[in-house]
């Protein structure tokens, strides 16, 4: 997906001051209102990339579910975030390192914890998780690389879902579906002229609509990245990393 690497207008306006991540960081020191909900939302973003990492490490589906749930329970209940220093690295890197440490030190303990036994659990559909994992490439890629790709795809999916909702709210769901393939570069034999004919629009109008749609998708994708970025500069770096991962 083509995009400029410059900071977005939203970042320039200081939108980092109100991200979920800033609320969660405050929760390291106090019980800031909304911190729990913000942290749960972050966990909701990362649960599948981490689950896929655990599965690729060789654990079966049942063990991977228990370990992922137990890890998030520990994250939520034991204030793992108190160990995070924004100056020392990215949040996703910290999260993966924390999970790796958890797998090394907590496997025996995690096996003894009954699912739901007093833990604070995130919403986790085991069937969906395993169904998604079966669609992963058979090639046994490095678990960390799989995590990176699932992280990138998750953020892209969230941005696309928000974009689709915006089109739906404007009663333009049909236009969104017609342009979605152009947004993702998956149009195959489809052309702007074909889409224009189906929608009763000019080719020039379709091209303009697709250009605006791409620009808005980039904005939304940056907003998703900003949730765990400490600065506009870090968001730019993460955005470039995401684009690189998606091209692989």
Protein backbone atom coordinates (compact mmCIF):
# COMPACT_ATOMS: atom_id res chain seq x y z
CA UNK A 1 0.00 0.00 0.00
CA UNK A 2 1.72 3.22 -1.10
CA UNK A 3 2.20 5.93 1.50
CA UNK A 4 4.33 8.87 2.48
CA UNK A 5 6.79 8.39 5.33
CA UNK A 6 6.28 11.87 6.73
CA UNK A 7 4.49 12.38 10.04
CA UNK A 8 0.75 12.56 9.71
CA UNK A 9 -1.20 15.68 10.45
CA UNK A 10 -2.74 13.95 13.44
CA UNK A 11 0.67 13.26 14.92
CA UNK A 12 1.76 16.84 14.31
CA UNK A 13 -1.23 18.03 16.31
CA UNK A 14 0.00 16.12 19.33
CA UNK A 15 -2.50 13.29 19.24
CA UNK A 16 -0.07 11.14 21.22
CA UNK A 17 -1.19 12.89 24.40
CA UNK A 18 -4.49 11.01 24.37
CA UNK A 19 -3.65 7.58 23.03
CA UNK A 20 -4.69 4.45 24.88
CA UNK A 21 -1.01 3.80 25.45
CA UNK A 22 -0.54 7.00 27.44
CA UNK A 23 -3.43 5.96 29.66
CA UNK A 24 -1.91 2.52 30.18
CA UNK A 25 1.49 3.99 31.02
CA UNK A 26 -0.15 6.16 33.66
CA UNK A 27 -1.66 3.02 35.12
CA UNK A 28 1.82 1.86 36.07
CA UNK A 29 1.75 4.40 38.87
CA UNK A 30 -1.90 4.93 39.70
CA UNK A 31 -5.40 3.73 38.96
CA UNK A 32 -6.11 6.17 36.14
CA UNK A 33 -9.72 6.09 34.95
CA UNK A 34 -10.03 4.03 31.79
CA UNK A 35 -6.63 2.37 32.17
CA UNK A 36 -8.13 -1.11 32.49
CA UNK A 37 -10.28 -0.72 29.40
CA UNK A 38 -7.36 0.71 27.44
CA UNK A 39 -5.11 -2.16 28.45
CA UNK A 40 -7.75 -4.70 27.50
CA UNK A 41 -8.05 -3.05 24.09
CA UNK A 42 -4.29 -3.32 23.61
CA UNK A 43 -4.44 -6.97 24.63
CA UNK A 44 -7.23 -7.47 22.14
CA UNK A 45 -4.92 -6.18 19.42
CA UNK A 46 -2.01 -8.41 20.35
CA UNK A 47 -3.62 -11.67 21.43
CA UNK A 48 -3.54 -13.39 18.05
CA UNK A 49 0.03 -12.37 17.07
CA UNK A 50 1.19 -13.70 20.44
CA UNK A 51 -0.91 -16.86 20.14
CA UNK A 52 0.60 -17.51 16.70
CA UNK A 53 4.07 -17.00 18.18
CA UNK A 54 3.38 -19.58 20.90
CA UNK A 55 1.98 -22.08 18.40
CA UNK A 56 4.99 -21.64 16.10
CA UNK A 57 7.24 -22.30 19.11
CA UNK A 58 5.85 -25.85 19.06
CA UNK A 59 3.03 -25.83 21.61
CA UNK A 60 -0.24 -27.50 20.65
CA UNK A 61 -3.48 -25.54 20.38
CA UNK A 62 -4.68 -26.25 23.92
CA UNK A 63 -1.35 -25.40 25.52
CA UNK A 64 -0.99 -22.26 23.38
CA UNK A 65 -4.41 -21.03 24.46
CA UNK A 66 -3.65 -21.63 28.14
CA UNK A 67 -0.26 -19.97 27.89
CA UNK A 68 -1.55 -16.94 26.00
CA UNK A 69 -4.40 -16.46 28.45
CA UNK A 70 -2.09 -16.92 31.43
CA UNK A 71 0.37 -14.42 29.99
CA UNK A 72 -2.31 -11.78 29.58
CA UNK A 73 -3.65 -12.52 33.05
CA UNK A 74 -0.18 -11.88 34.40
CA UNK A 75 0.15 -8.72 32.32
CA UNK A 76 -3.16 -7.40 33.64
CA UNK A 77 -2.81 -8.47 37.25
CA UNK A 78 0.92 -8.24 38.04
CA UNK A 79 1.69 -4.89 36.40
CA UNK A 80 4.27 -6.18 33.93
CA UNK A 81 4.07 -2.76 32.31
CA UNK A 82 5.94 -1.26 35.25
CA UNK A 83 9.05 -2.84 33.72
CA UNK A 84 8.59 -1.11 30.38
CA UNK A 85 10.78 1.88 29.52
CA UNK A 86 9.78 3.67 26.32
CA UNK A 87 13.34 4.92 25.89
CA UNK A 88 14.66 1.36 25.62
CA UNK A 89 12.48 0.04 22.83
CA UNK A 90 9.12 -0.44 21.20
CA UNK A 91 6.09 -1.78 22.98
CA UNK A 92 5.67 -4.79 20.69
CA UNK A 93 9.33 -5.70 21.23
CA UNK A 94 8.84 -5.46 24.98
CA UNK A 95 5.67 -7.54 24.80
CA UNK A 96 7.32 -10.31 22.80
CA UNK A 97 10.32 -10.37 25.15
CA UNK A 98 7.97 -10.57 28.14
CA UNK A 99 6.13 -13.49 26.56
CA UNK A 100 9.39 -15.28 25.77
CA UNK A 101 10.45 -14.89 29.42
CA UNK A 102 7.03 -16.10 30.53
CA UNK A 103 7.28 -19.22 28.38
CA UNK A 104 10.71 -20.00 29.78
CA UNK A 105 9.87 -19.49 33.44
CA UNK A 106 6.16 -20.03 33.84
CA UNK A 107 5.22 -23.11 31.78
CA UNK A 108 4.90 -25.49 34.72
CA UNK A 109 2.96 -22.96 36.73
CA UNK A 110 0.70 -22.06 33.80
CA UNK A 111 -0.21 -25.72 33.29
CA UNK A 112 -1.53 -25.84 36.85
CA UNK A 113 -3.77 -22.80 36.43
CA UNK A 114 -7.26 -23.87 35.44
CA UNK A 115 -8.70 -21.76 32.71
CA UNK A 116 -10.84 -19.06 34.30
CA UNK A 117 -9.66 -19.87 37.81
CA UNK A 118 -9.85 -16.37 39.17
CA UNK A 119 -7.77 -14.84 36.38
CA UNK A 120 -8.62 -11.67 34.55
CA UNK A 121 -8.99 -12.94 30.99
CA UNK A 122 -9.27 -11.14 27.70
CA UNK A 123 -11.87 -12.10 25.14
CA UNK A 124 -10.31 -15.06 23.36
CA UNK A 125 -12.07 -17.32 20.87
CA UNK A 126 -9.97 -20.49 20.84
CA UNK A 127 -11.73 -21.93 17.80
CA UNK A 128 -11.17 -18.75 15.81
CA UNK A 129 -7.54 -18.58 16.91
CA UNK A 130 -6.80 -22.09 15.71
CA UNK A 131 -8.80 -21.61 12.52
CA UNK A 132 -6.67 -18.56 11.73
CA UNK A 133 -3.48 -20.38 12.63
CA UNK A 134 -4.26 -23.20 10.19
CA UNK A 135 -4.19 -20.60 7.41
CA UNK A 136 -0.62 -19.59 8.24
CA UNK A 137 2.06 -20.66 5.73
CA UNK A 138 3.26 -24.24 6.18
CA UNK A 139 6.85 -23.02 5.96
CA UNK A 140 8.07 -23.00 9.58
CA UNK A 141 9.11 -19.36 9.67
CA UNK A 142 10.90 -17.88 12.65
CA UNK A 143 8.21 -17.46 15.37
CA UNK A 144 9.29 -13.84 15.86
CA UNK A 145 8.84 -13.13 12.14
CA UNK A 146 5.38 -14.67 12.26
CA UNK A 147 4.56 -12.44 15.23
CA UNK A 148 5.75 -9.38 13.26
CA UNK A 149 3.57 -10.25 10.29
CA UNK A 150 0.50 -10.95 12.43
CA UNK A 151 1.08 -7.65 14.24
CA UNK A 152 1.16 -5.80 10.91
CA UNK A 153 -1.90 -7.62 9.56
CA UNK A 154 -3.87 -7.02 12.77
CA UNK A 155 -3.29 -3.27 12.62
CA UNK A 156 -4.18 -3.21 8.92
CA UNK A 157 -7.37 -5.17 9.59
CA UNK A 158 -8.36 -2.77 12.35
CA UNK A 159 -7.75 0.23 10.12
CA UNK A 160 -9.78 -1.36 7.31
CA UNK A 161 -12.63 -2.14 9.70
CA UNK A 162 -12.75 1.47 10.83
CA UNK A 163 -12.60 2.67 7.22
CA UNK A 164 -15.45 0.37 6.22
CA UNK A 165 -17.54 1.65 9.12
CA UNK A 166 -16.97 5.23 8.01
CA UNK A 167 -18.17 4.38 4.49
CA UNK A 168 -21.15 2.51 5.92
CA UNK A 169 -22.08 5.46 8.11
CA UNK A 170 -22.10 7.63 5.00
CA UNK A 171 -24.28 5.09 3.16
CA UNK A 172 -21.37 4.29 0.83
CA UNK A 173 -20.88 0.62 1.62
CA UNK A 174 -21.22 -0.33 -2.06
CA UNK A 175 -18.47 2.12 -3.00
CA UNK A 176 -16.20 0.70 -0.30
CA UNK A 177 -16.62 -2.84 -1.59
CA UNK A 178 -15.96 -1.70 -5.15
CA UNK A 179 -12.74 0.07 -4.17
CA UNK A 180 -11.45 -2.33 -1.53
CA UNK A 181 -9.52 -4.44 -4.03
CA UNK A 182 -7.76 -1.34 -5.39
CA UNK A 183 -6.83 -0.31 -1.87
CA UNK A 184 -5.13 -3.64 -1.17
CA UNK A 185 -3.60 -4.12 -4.59
CA UNK A 186 -5.62 -7.30 -5.20
CA UNK A 187 -7.78 -6.17 -8.10
CA UNK A 188 -6.54 -8.79 -10.60
CA UNK A 189 -8.37 -8.18 -13.84
CA UNK A 190 -10.58 -5.46 -12.38
CA UNK A 191 -10.06 -1.93 -13.65
CA UNK A 192 -11.20 1.51 -12.61
CA UNK A 193 -13.31 1.59 -15.76
CA UNK A 194 -15.09 -1.62 -14.72
CA UNK A 195 -15.83 -0.20 -11.27
CA UNK A 196 -17.03 3.06 -12.80
CA UNK A 197 -19.43 1.22 -15.10
CA UNK A 198 -20.86 -0.84 -12.22
CA UNK A 199 -21.41 2.22 -10.05
CA UNK A 200 -22.55 4.63 -12.73
CA UNK A 201 -19.58 6.93 -12.13
CA UNK A 202 -16.86 8.31 -14.37
CA UNK A 203 -13.45 6.64 -14.35
CA UNK A 204 -11.91 9.90 -13.14
CA UNK A 205 -14.33 10.01 -10.19
CA UNK A 206 -13.52 6.41 -9.26
CA UNK A 207 -9.80 7.11 -9.36
CA UNK A 208 -10.26 10.16 -7.14
CA UNK A 209 -12.40 8.19 -4.69
CA UNK A 210 -9.77 5.42 -4.55
CA UNK A 211 -7.01 7.96 -3.92
CA UNK A 212 -8.94 9.52 -1.05
CA UNK A 213 -9.72 6.08 0.34
CA UNK A 214 -6.01 5.15 0.36
CA UNK A 215 -5.12 8.41 2.09
CA UNK A 216 -7.77 7.87 4.76
CA UNK A 217 -6.63 4.28 5.28
CA UNK A 218 -3.08 5.51 5.85
CA UNK A 219 -4.36 7.97 8.45
CA UNK A 220 -6.29 5.28 10.27
CA UNK A 221 -3.34 2.91 10.14
CA UNK A 222 -1.15 5.58 11.71
CA UNK A 223 -3.74 6.09 14.43
CA UNK A 224 -3.59 2.38 15.22
CA UNK A 225 0.21 2.53 15.37
CA UNK A 226 0.10 5.60 17.60
CA UNK A 227 -1.66 3.60 20.29
CA UNK A 228 1.68 2.06 21.25
CA UNK A 229 4.15 4.66 19.99
CA UNK A 230 5.86 7.17 22.25
CA UNK A 231 6.29 9.91 19.63
CA UNK A 232 5.52 10.86 16.03
CA UNK A 233 9.07 9.83 15.13
CA UNK A 234 8.60 6.37 16.59
CA UNK A 235 5.25 6.08 14.81
CA UNK A 236 6.99 6.86 11.52
CA UNK A 237 9.55 4.13 12.21
CA UNK A 238 6.83 1.65 13.10
CA UNK A 239 4.88 2.58 9.98
CA UNK A 240 7.91 1.92 7.79
CA UNK A 241 8.46 -1.39 9.59
CA UNK A 242 4.84 -2.34 9.04
CA UNK A 243 5.03 -1.61 5.32
CA UNK A 244 8.22 -3.66 5.03
CA UNK A 245 6.64 -6.62 6.84
CA UNK A 246 3.51 -6.49 4.66
CA UNK A 247 5.61 -6.58 1.49
CA UNK A 248 7.44 -9.75 2.56
